[in-house]
């Protein structure tokens, strides 16, 4: 996490909590020549547009005052999503027993993405399916929740 993300996380956490939500992640990127600050939120029962709007309205003056980003940028507040990435140790603990997708930097046995039930995470290794599959942190590009869309409808 970079300097901007750390600063915004510290500013956003109380505003997000006051809106009855949980701060899931903060991302600062440059896309198409513009700077974008994304704040992802979560909430038991789901996140609606009213929650995103409440957080955005609360966060906007805090960001204006603290000015953590040089120049102009676009603020986006949204749900963490059904297929949210797992980044922190607490994310992995929370979703033990759920189906995840593990994408590797380089293929293993000709396969770059594996789907299975998250069974463990110790900070260095992610295990799926009761330990049948294990991946070193250094080899993992992304771990996210996996939804079978045919079953979700």
N, C-alpha and C. Protein backbone atom coordinates (compact mmCIF):
# COMPACT_ATOMS: atom_id res chain seq x y z
N UNK A 1 0.85 -1.17 0.00
CA UNK A 1 0.00 0.00 0.00
C UNK A 1 0.89 1.23 0.00
N UNK A 2 0.59 2.15 -0.91
CA UNK A 2 1.39 3.35 -1.04
C UNK A 2 1.00 4.43 -0.05
N UNK A 3 1.74 5.52 -0.11
CA UNK A 3 1.53 6.64 0.82
C UNK A 3 0.12 7.21 0.72
N UNK A 4 -0.36 7.43 -0.50
CA UNK A 4 -1.71 7.99 -0.68
C UNK A 4 -2.75 7.05 -0.10
N UNK A 5 -2.63 5.75 -0.40
CA UNK A 5 -3.59 4.79 0.11
C UNK A 5 -3.60 4.75 1.64
N UNK A 6 -2.42 4.82 2.25
CA UNK A 6 -2.34 4.82 3.72
C UNK A 6 -3.02 6.05 4.31
N UNK A 7 -2.74 7.21 3.73
CA UNK A 7 -3.33 8.45 4.23
C UNK A 7 -4.85 8.44 4.07
N UNK A 8 -5.32 8.01 2.92
CA UNK A 8 -6.76 7.99 2.66
C UNK A 8 -7.44 6.96 3.55
N UNK A 9 -6.80 5.83 3.78
CA UNK A 9 -7.37 4.81 4.67
C UNK A 9 -7.59 5.40 6.06
N UNK A 10 -6.61 6.12 6.57
CA UNK A 10 -6.74 6.72 7.90
C UNK A 10 -7.87 7.76 7.93
N UNK A 11 -8.02 8.54 6.86
CA UNK A 11 -9.08 9.53 6.79
C UNK A 11 -10.45 8.88 6.60
N UNK A 12 -10.49 7.84 5.78
CA UNK A 12 -11.78 7.27 5.37
C UNK A 12 -12.40 6.35 6.41
N UNK A 13 -11.59 5.63 7.17
CA UNK A 13 -12.13 4.62 8.10
C UNK A 13 -13.23 5.17 9.02
N UNK A 14 -13.02 6.31 9.69
CA UNK A 14 -14.09 6.82 10.57
C UNK A 14 -15.34 7.25 9.78
N UNK A 15 -15.16 7.85 8.61
CA UNK A 15 -16.31 8.29 7.80
C UNK A 15 -17.11 7.09 7.30
N UNK A 16 -16.41 6.04 6.91
CA UNK A 16 -17.08 4.82 6.44
C UNK A 16 -17.84 4.17 7.59
N UNK A 17 -17.21 4.10 8.75
CA UNK A 17 -17.87 3.50 9.93
C UNK A 17 -19.10 4.31 10.33
N UNK A 18 -19.02 5.63 10.25
CA UNK A 18 -20.16 6.48 10.60
C UNK A 18 -21.35 6.25 9.66
N UNK A 19 -21.05 5.78 8.45
CA UNK A 19 -22.12 5.48 7.48
C UNK A 19 -22.63 4.05 7.65
N UNK A 20 -22.13 3.35 8.68
CA UNK A 20 -22.59 1.99 8.95
C UNK A 20 -21.97 0.94 8.06
N UNK A 21 -20.80 1.26 7.54
CA UNK A 21 -20.12 0.36 6.61
C UNK A 21 -18.72 0.03 7.12
N UNK A 22 -18.06 -0.85 6.40
CA UNK A 22 -16.68 -1.25 6.70
C UNK A 22 -15.81 -0.84 5.52
N UNK A 23 -14.66 -0.27 5.79
CA UNK A 23 -13.71 0.07 4.73
C UNK A 23 -13.04 -1.21 4.27
N UNK A 24 -13.22 -1.57 3.01
CA UNK A 24 -12.64 -2.80 2.50
C UNK A 24 -11.25 -2.55 1.91
N UNK A 25 -11.12 -1.48 1.09
CA UNK A 25 -9.84 -1.24 0.43
C UNK A 25 -9.82 0.19 -0.12
N UNK A 26 -8.62 0.69 -0.36
CA UNK A 26 -8.41 1.98 -1.00
C UNK A 26 -7.38 1.76 -2.11
N UNK A 27 -7.66 2.34 -3.26
CA UNK A 27 -6.79 2.17 -4.42
C UNK A 27 -6.61 3.52 -5.11
N UNK A 28 -5.36 3.89 -5.40
CA UNK A 28 -5.08 5.11 -6.14
C UNK A 28 -4.34 4.71 -7.40
N UNK A 29 -4.95 5.00 -8.56
CA UNK A 29 -4.36 4.58 -9.84
C UNK A 29 -4.44 5.73 -10.85
N UNK A 30 -3.66 5.59 -11.89
CA UNK A 30 -3.74 6.50 -13.04
C UNK A 30 -4.25 5.68 -14.21
N UNK A 31 -5.35 6.15 -14.78
CA UNK A 31 -5.99 5.45 -15.90
C UNK A 31 -6.31 6.45 -16.99
N UNK A 32 -5.85 6.16 -18.18
CA UNK A 32 -6.16 7.04 -19.31
C UNK A 32 -5.77 8.48 -19.08
N UNK A 33 -4.65 8.69 -18.39
CA UNK A 33 -4.17 10.04 -18.15
C UNK A 33 -4.85 10.77 -17.01
N UNK A 34 -5.72 10.08 -16.26
CA UNK A 34 -6.37 10.74 -15.12
C UNK A 34 -6.12 9.94 -13.85
N UNK A 35 -6.13 10.65 -12.74
CA UNK A 35 -5.92 10.02 -11.44
C UNK A 35 -7.29 9.63 -10.87
N UNK A 36 -7.36 8.41 -10.32
CA UNK A 36 -8.61 7.90 -9.77
C UNK A 36 -8.34 7.35 -8.37
N UNK A 37 -9.11 7.83 -7.40
CA UNK A 37 -9.04 7.33 -6.03
C UNK A 37 -10.30 6.51 -5.80
N UNK A 38 -10.12 5.22 -5.56
CA UNK A 38 -11.26 4.33 -5.33
C UNK A 38 -11.29 3.89 -3.87
N UNK A 39 -12.45 4.04 -3.28
CA UNK A 39 -12.68 3.61 -1.91
C UNK A 39 -13.74 2.51 -1.97
N UNK A 40 -13.37 1.31 -1.56
CA UNK A 40 -14.28 0.17 -1.59
C UNK A 40 -14.83 -0.06 -0.19
N UNK A 41 -16.16 -0.20 -0.11
CA UNK A 41 -16.81 -0.41 1.19
C UNK A 41 -17.60 -1.71 1.19
N UNK A 42 -17.89 -2.20 2.39
CA UNK A 42 -18.68 -3.40 2.56
C UNK A 42 -19.66 -3.15 3.69
N UNK A 43 -20.69 -3.98 3.76
CA UNK A 43 -21.70 -3.84 4.80
C UNK A 43 -22.50 -5.13 4.86
N UNK A 44 -22.77 -5.60 6.07
CA UNK A 44 -23.65 -6.76 6.22
C UNK A 44 -24.99 -6.42 5.58
N UNK A 45 -25.48 -7.28 4.75
CA UNK A 45 -26.73 -7.00 4.06
C UNK A 45 -26.53 -6.33 2.72
N UNK A 46 -25.30 -5.97 2.40
CA UNK A 46 -25.00 -5.39 1.09
C UNK A 46 -24.85 -3.89 1.10
N UNK A 47 -24.22 -3.39 0.07
CA UNK A 47 -23.97 -1.97 -0.11
C UNK A 47 -24.87 -1.46 -1.22
N UNK A 48 -25.58 -0.39 -0.94
CA UNK A 48 -26.43 0.25 -1.95
C UNK A 48 -25.86 1.59 -2.35
N UNK A 49 -26.48 2.19 -3.37
CA UNK A 49 -25.99 3.50 -3.83
C UNK A 49 -26.08 4.54 -2.72
N UNK A 50 -27.07 4.40 -1.83
CA UNK A 50 -27.19 5.37 -0.74
C UNK A 50 -25.99 5.30 0.21
N UNK A 51 -25.42 4.11 0.39
CA UNK A 51 -24.24 3.98 1.25
C UNK A 51 -23.01 4.61 0.58
N UNK A 52 -22.87 4.35 -0.71
CA UNK A 52 -21.75 4.94 -1.45
C UNK A 52 -21.84 6.46 -1.46
N UNK A 53 -23.04 6.98 -1.65
CA UNK A 53 -23.24 8.42 -1.65
C UNK A 53 -22.94 9.03 -0.29
N UNK A 54 -23.39 8.38 0.78
CA UNK A 54 -23.14 8.89 2.13
C UNK A 54 -21.64 8.94 2.43
N UNK A 55 -20.93 7.90 2.06
CA UNK A 55 -19.48 7.87 2.29
C UNK A 55 -18.79 8.93 1.44
N UNK A 56 -19.19 9.04 0.20
CA UNK A 56 -18.58 10.04 -0.70
C UNK A 56 -18.78 11.45 -0.16
N UNK A 57 -20.00 11.76 0.29
CA UNK A 57 -20.28 13.10 0.82
C UNK A 57 -19.49 13.38 2.11
N UNK A 58 -19.31 12.36 2.93
CA UNK A 58 -18.55 12.54 4.17
C UNK A 58 -17.06 12.65 3.90
N UNK A 59 -16.60 11.91 2.92
CA UNK A 59 -15.16 11.84 2.65
C UNK A 59 -14.64 13.04 1.85
N UNK A 60 -15.47 13.58 0.99
CA UNK A 60 -15.04 14.67 0.11
C UNK A 60 -14.43 15.86 0.86
N UNK A 61 -15.08 16.41 1.89
CA UNK A 61 -14.46 17.55 2.59
C UNK A 61 -13.20 17.15 3.37
N UNK A 62 -13.16 15.92 3.86
CA UNK A 62 -11.95 15.45 4.57
C UNK A 62 -10.76 15.40 3.62
N UNK A 63 -11.00 14.92 2.41
CA UNK A 63 -9.93 14.85 1.41
C UNK A 63 -9.51 16.24 0.95
N UNK A 64 -10.49 17.14 0.81
CA UNK A 64 -10.16 18.52 0.42
C UNK A 64 -9.26 19.17 1.47
N UNK A 65 -9.56 18.93 2.74
CA UNK A 65 -8.78 19.55 3.81
C UNK A 65 -7.39 18.94 3.93
N UNK A 66 -7.30 17.62 3.90
CA UNK A 66 -6.01 16.93 4.06
C UNK A 66 -5.15 17.02 2.80
N UNK A 67 -5.80 17.09 1.64
CA UNK A 67 -5.13 17.21 0.34
C UNK A 67 -4.00 16.18 0.15
N UNK A 68 -4.33 14.88 0.24
CA UNK A 68 -3.28 13.86 0.13
C UNK A 68 -2.81 13.57 -1.30
N UNK A 69 -3.51 14.15 -2.28
CA UNK A 69 -3.18 13.88 -3.68
C UNK A 69 -2.89 15.19 -4.38
N UNK A 70 -1.73 15.23 -5.01
CA UNK A 70 -1.35 16.43 -5.75
C UNK A 70 -2.11 16.47 -7.06
N UNK A 71 -2.72 17.60 -7.36
CA UNK A 71 -3.46 17.74 -8.61
C UNK A 71 -4.89 17.23 -8.49
N UNK A 72 -5.56 17.20 -9.62
CA UNK A 72 -6.96 16.78 -9.62
C UNK A 72 -7.06 15.25 -9.72
N UNK A 73 -8.19 14.74 -9.25
CA UNK A 73 -8.44 13.31 -9.29
C UNK A 73 -9.94 13.08 -9.22
N UNK A 74 -10.35 11.88 -9.53
CA UNK A 74 -11.75 11.48 -9.44
C UNK A 74 -11.90 10.55 -8.25
N UNK A 75 -12.87 10.83 -7.38
CA UNK A 75 -13.16 9.97 -6.24
C UNK A 75 -14.30 9.03 -6.63
N UNK A 76 -14.07 7.75 -6.45
CA UNK A 76 -15.10 6.73 -6.69
C UNK A 76 -15.28 5.94 -5.40
N UNK A 77 -16.52 5.82 -4.94
CA UNK A 77 -16.84 5.00 -3.78
C UNK A 77 -17.77 3.90 -4.27
N UNK A 78 -17.39 2.64 -4.00
CA UNK A 78 -18.22 1.54 -4.48
C UNK A 78 -18.14 0.34 -3.55
N UNK A 79 -19.01 -0.61 -3.81
CA UNK A 79 -19.02 -1.87 -3.08
C UNK A 79 -17.73 -2.63 -3.38
N UNK A 80 -17.31 -3.43 -2.42
CA UNK A 80 -16.14 -4.30 -2.64
C UNK A 80 -16.46 -5.35 -3.70
N UNK A 81 -17.73 -5.66 -3.90
CA UNK A 81 -18.14 -6.59 -4.95
C UNK A 81 -18.15 -8.03 -4.51
N UNK A 82 -18.90 -8.84 -5.24
CA UNK A 82 -19.01 -10.27 -4.92
C UNK A 82 -17.69 -10.99 -5.11
N UNK A 83 -16.93 -10.60 -6.14
CA UNK A 83 -15.66 -11.26 -6.42
C UNK A 83 -14.49 -10.37 -5.99
N UNK A 84 -14.60 -9.88 -4.76
CA UNK A 84 -13.61 -8.97 -4.21
C UNK A 84 -12.26 -9.64 -4.03
N UNK A 85 -11.19 -8.87 -4.21
CA UNK A 85 -9.85 -9.42 -3.94
C UNK A 85 -9.62 -9.56 -2.44
N UNK A 86 -8.87 -10.58 -2.07
CA UNK A 86 -8.45 -10.79 -0.68
C UNK A 86 -7.00 -10.34 -0.60
N UNK A 87 -6.71 -9.39 0.27
CA UNK A 87 -5.35 -8.84 0.38
C UNK A 87 -4.76 -9.01 1.77
N UNK A 88 -5.53 -8.68 2.79
CA UNK A 88 -5.03 -8.71 4.16
C UNK A 88 -5.24 -10.09 4.78
N UNK A 89 -4.46 -10.39 5.79
CA UNK A 89 -4.63 -11.64 6.51
C UNK A 89 -6.03 -11.81 7.04
N UNK A 90 -6.63 -10.72 7.52
CA UNK A 90 -7.99 -10.78 8.05
C UNK A 90 -9.00 -11.13 6.97
N UNK A 91 -8.73 -10.74 5.71
CA UNK A 91 -9.62 -11.11 4.60
C UNK A 91 -9.62 -12.62 4.43
N UNK A 92 -8.42 -13.22 4.48
CA UNK A 92 -8.31 -14.67 4.30
C UNK A 92 -9.00 -15.42 5.44
N UNK A 93 -8.79 -14.96 6.66
CA UNK A 93 -9.42 -15.61 7.81
C UNK A 93 -10.94 -15.54 7.69
N UNK A 94 -11.44 -14.38 7.31
CA UNK A 94 -12.90 -14.18 7.20
C UNK A 94 -13.53 -15.12 6.16
N UNK A 95 -12.79 -15.44 5.10
CA UNK A 95 -13.38 -16.22 4.01
C UNK A 95 -12.87 -17.66 3.91
N UNK A 96 -12.29 -18.19 4.99
CA UNK A 96 -11.96 -19.62 5.04
C UNK A 96 -13.26 -20.39 4.80
N UNK A 97 -13.19 -21.38 3.94
CA UNK A 97 -14.37 -22.19 3.63
C UNK A 97 -15.15 -21.69 2.42
N UNK A 98 -14.78 -20.52 1.89
CA UNK A 98 -15.43 -19.98 0.70
C UNK A 98 -14.63 -20.35 -0.55
N UNK A 99 -15.28 -20.32 -1.69
CA UNK A 99 -14.62 -20.60 -2.96
C UNK A 99 -13.86 -19.35 -3.40
N UNK A 100 -12.60 -19.56 -3.77
CA UNK A 100 -11.75 -18.47 -4.24
C UNK A 100 -11.07 -18.87 -5.55
N UNK A 101 -10.59 -17.86 -6.22
CA UNK A 101 -9.79 -18.03 -7.42
C UNK A 101 -8.39 -17.51 -7.11
N UNK A 102 -7.37 -18.31 -7.39
CA UNK A 102 -5.98 -17.90 -7.19
C UNK A 102 -5.34 -17.78 -8.57
N UNK A 103 -4.90 -16.58 -8.91
CA UNK A 103 -4.23 -16.35 -10.19
C UNK A 103 -2.74 -16.20 -9.92
N UNK A 104 -1.93 -16.96 -10.65
CA UNK A 104 -0.48 -16.96 -10.48
C UNK A 104 0.18 -16.06 -11.51
N UNK A 105 1.38 -15.59 -11.19
CA UNK A 105 2.16 -14.81 -12.15
C UNK A 105 2.59 -15.68 -13.32
N UNK A 106 2.98 -16.90 -13.02
CA UNK A 106 3.44 -17.83 -14.06
C UNK A 106 2.64 -19.12 -13.94
N UNK A 107 2.34 -19.76 -15.06
CA UNK A 107 1.55 -20.99 -15.01
C UNK A 107 2.24 -22.10 -14.22
N UNK A 108 1.42 -22.93 -13.59
CA UNK A 108 1.89 -24.13 -12.91
C UNK A 108 1.25 -25.30 -13.62
N UNK A 109 2.08 -26.13 -14.24
CA UNK A 109 1.53 -27.25 -15.01
C UNK A 109 0.64 -26.78 -16.14
N UNK A 110 0.96 -25.64 -16.73
CA UNK A 110 0.19 -25.10 -17.83
C UNK A 110 -1.07 -24.34 -17.41
N UNK A 111 -1.31 -24.23 -16.11
CA UNK A 111 -2.50 -23.55 -15.60
C UNK A 111 -2.08 -22.33 -14.80
N UNK A 112 -2.73 -21.21 -15.07
CA UNK A 112 -2.40 -19.96 -14.37
C UNK A 112 -3.42 -19.63 -13.29
N UNK A 113 -4.66 -20.12 -13.39
CA UNK A 113 -5.69 -19.79 -12.42
C UNK A 113 -6.31 -21.06 -11.85
N UNK A 114 -6.42 -21.10 -10.52
CA UNK A 114 -6.97 -22.25 -9.81
C UNK A 114 -8.17 -21.81 -8.98
N UNK A 115 -9.21 -22.63 -8.95
CA UNK A 115 -10.41 -22.35 -8.17
C UNK A 115 -10.59 -23.48 -7.18
N UNK A 116 -10.84 -23.12 -5.93
CA UNK A 116 -11.06 -24.13 -4.89
C UNK A 116 -11.55 -23.48 -3.62
N UNK A 117 -11.74 -24.30 -2.60
CA UNK A 117 -12.20 -23.82 -1.31
C UNK A 117 -10.99 -23.37 -0.49
N UNK A 118 -11.02 -22.12 -0.04
CA UNK A 118 -9.93 -21.58 0.77
C UNK A 118 -9.88 -22.34 2.10
N UNK A 119 -8.74 -22.98 2.36
CA UNK A 119 -8.63 -23.76 3.60
C UNK A 119 -7.56 -23.24 4.54
N UNK A 120 -6.69 -22.35 4.06
CA UNK A 120 -5.67 -21.82 4.95
C UNK A 120 -4.88 -20.68 4.36
N UNK A 121 -4.28 -19.91 5.27
CA UNK A 121 -3.41 -18.80 4.91
C UNK A 121 -2.54 -18.50 6.12
N UNK A 122 -1.23 -18.55 5.94
CA UNK A 122 -0.34 -18.30 7.07
C UNK A 122 0.56 -17.09 6.85
N UNK A 123 0.21 -16.28 5.86
CA UNK A 123 1.02 -15.10 5.55
C UNK A 123 2.00 -15.36 4.43
N UNK A 124 2.44 -16.59 4.27
CA UNK A 124 3.38 -16.94 3.20
C UNK A 124 2.80 -17.92 2.19
N UNK A 125 1.77 -18.67 2.62
CA UNK A 125 1.19 -19.71 1.77
C UNK A 125 -0.34 -19.64 1.84
N UNK A 126 -0.96 -19.81 0.69
CA UNK A 126 -2.41 -19.93 0.59
C UNK A 126 -2.71 -21.36 0.20
N UNK A 127 -3.61 -22.02 0.95
CA UNK A 127 -3.96 -23.40 0.63
C UNK A 127 -5.43 -23.50 0.27
N UNK A 128 -5.70 -24.39 -0.66
CA UNK A 128 -7.06 -24.67 -1.12
C UNK A 128 -7.37 -26.14 -0.90
N UNK A 129 -8.66 -26.41 -0.80
CA UNK A 129 -9.16 -27.79 -0.76
C UNK A 129 -8.46 -28.65 0.28
N UNK A 130 -8.41 -28.14 1.51
CA UNK A 130 -7.84 -28.91 2.61
C UNK A 130 -6.34 -29.15 2.50
N UNK A 131 -5.65 -28.32 1.74
CA UNK A 131 -4.21 -28.46 1.58
C UNK A 131 -3.80 -29.19 0.32
N UNK A 132 -4.77 -29.62 -0.48
CA UNK A 132 -4.46 -30.32 -1.74
C UNK A 132 -3.68 -29.41 -2.70
N UNK A 133 -3.94 -28.12 -2.62
CA UNK A 133 -3.21 -27.13 -3.42
C UNK A 133 -2.62 -26.09 -2.48
N UNK A 134 -1.35 -25.75 -2.70
CA UNK A 134 -0.68 -24.74 -1.89
C UNK A 134 0.10 -23.81 -2.82
N UNK A 135 0.04 -22.52 -2.52
CA UNK A 135 0.68 -21.51 -3.35
C UNK A 135 1.49 -20.57 -2.47
N UNK A 136 2.74 -20.32 -2.85
CA UNK A 136 3.58 -19.36 -2.14
C UNK A 136 3.13 -17.95 -2.50
N UNK A 137 3.13 -17.07 -1.51
CA UNK A 137 2.70 -15.69 -1.69
C UNK A 137 3.44 -15.02 -2.86
N UNK A 138 4.72 -15.30 -2.99
CA UNK A 138 5.52 -14.66 -4.04
C UNK A 138 5.08 -15.06 -5.45
N UNK A 139 4.36 -16.17 -5.58
CA UNK A 139 3.91 -16.65 -6.88
C UNK A 139 2.49 -16.18 -7.24
N UNK A 140 1.81 -15.57 -6.26
CA UNK A 140 0.40 -15.22 -6.43
C UNK A 140 0.24 -13.78 -6.93
N UNK A 141 -0.46 -13.64 -8.05
CA UNK A 141 -0.77 -12.32 -8.58
C UNK A 141 -2.03 -11.77 -7.92
N UNK A 142 -3.03 -12.65 -7.66
CA UNK A 142 -4.30 -12.19 -7.14
C UNK A 142 -5.08 -13.36 -6.55
N UNK A 143 -5.72 -13.11 -5.41
CA UNK A 143 -6.69 -14.05 -4.84
C UNK A 143 -7.98 -13.27 -4.67
N UNK A 144 -9.07 -13.84 -5.20
CA UNK A 144 -10.37 -13.18 -5.07
C UNK A 144 -11.44 -14.21 -4.82
N UNK A 145 -12.55 -13.75 -4.21
CA UNK A 145 -13.70 -14.63 -4.05
C UNK A 145 -14.18 -15.05 -5.43
N UNK A 146 -14.68 -16.26 -5.52
CA UNK A 146 -15.14 -16.78 -6.81
C UNK A 146 -16.62 -17.11 -6.72
N UNK A 147 -17.38 -16.62 -7.68
CA UNK A 147 -18.81 -16.87 -7.72
C UNK A 147 -19.12 -17.64 -9.00
N UNK A 148 -19.83 -18.73 -8.86
CA UNK A 148 -20.33 -19.47 -10.02
C UNK A 148 -21.61 -18.77 -10.43
N UNK A 149 -21.55 -18.00 -11.51
CA UNK A 149 -22.67 -17.14 -11.88
C UNK A 149 -23.93 -17.90 -12.25
N UNK A 150 -23.83 -19.07 -12.78
CA UNK A 150 -25.03 -19.85 -13.08
C UNK A 150 -25.77 -20.22 -11.82
N UNK A 151 -25.02 -20.46 -10.72
CA UNK A 151 -25.63 -20.81 -9.43
C UNK A 151 -26.13 -19.59 -8.69
N UNK A 152 -25.59 -18.43 -8.99
CA UNK A 152 -25.92 -17.21 -8.25
C UNK A 152 -27.26 -16.62 -8.68
N UNK A 153 -27.74 -17.02 -9.85
CA UNK A 153 -28.97 -16.41 -10.36
C UNK A 153 -30.20 -17.12 -9.90
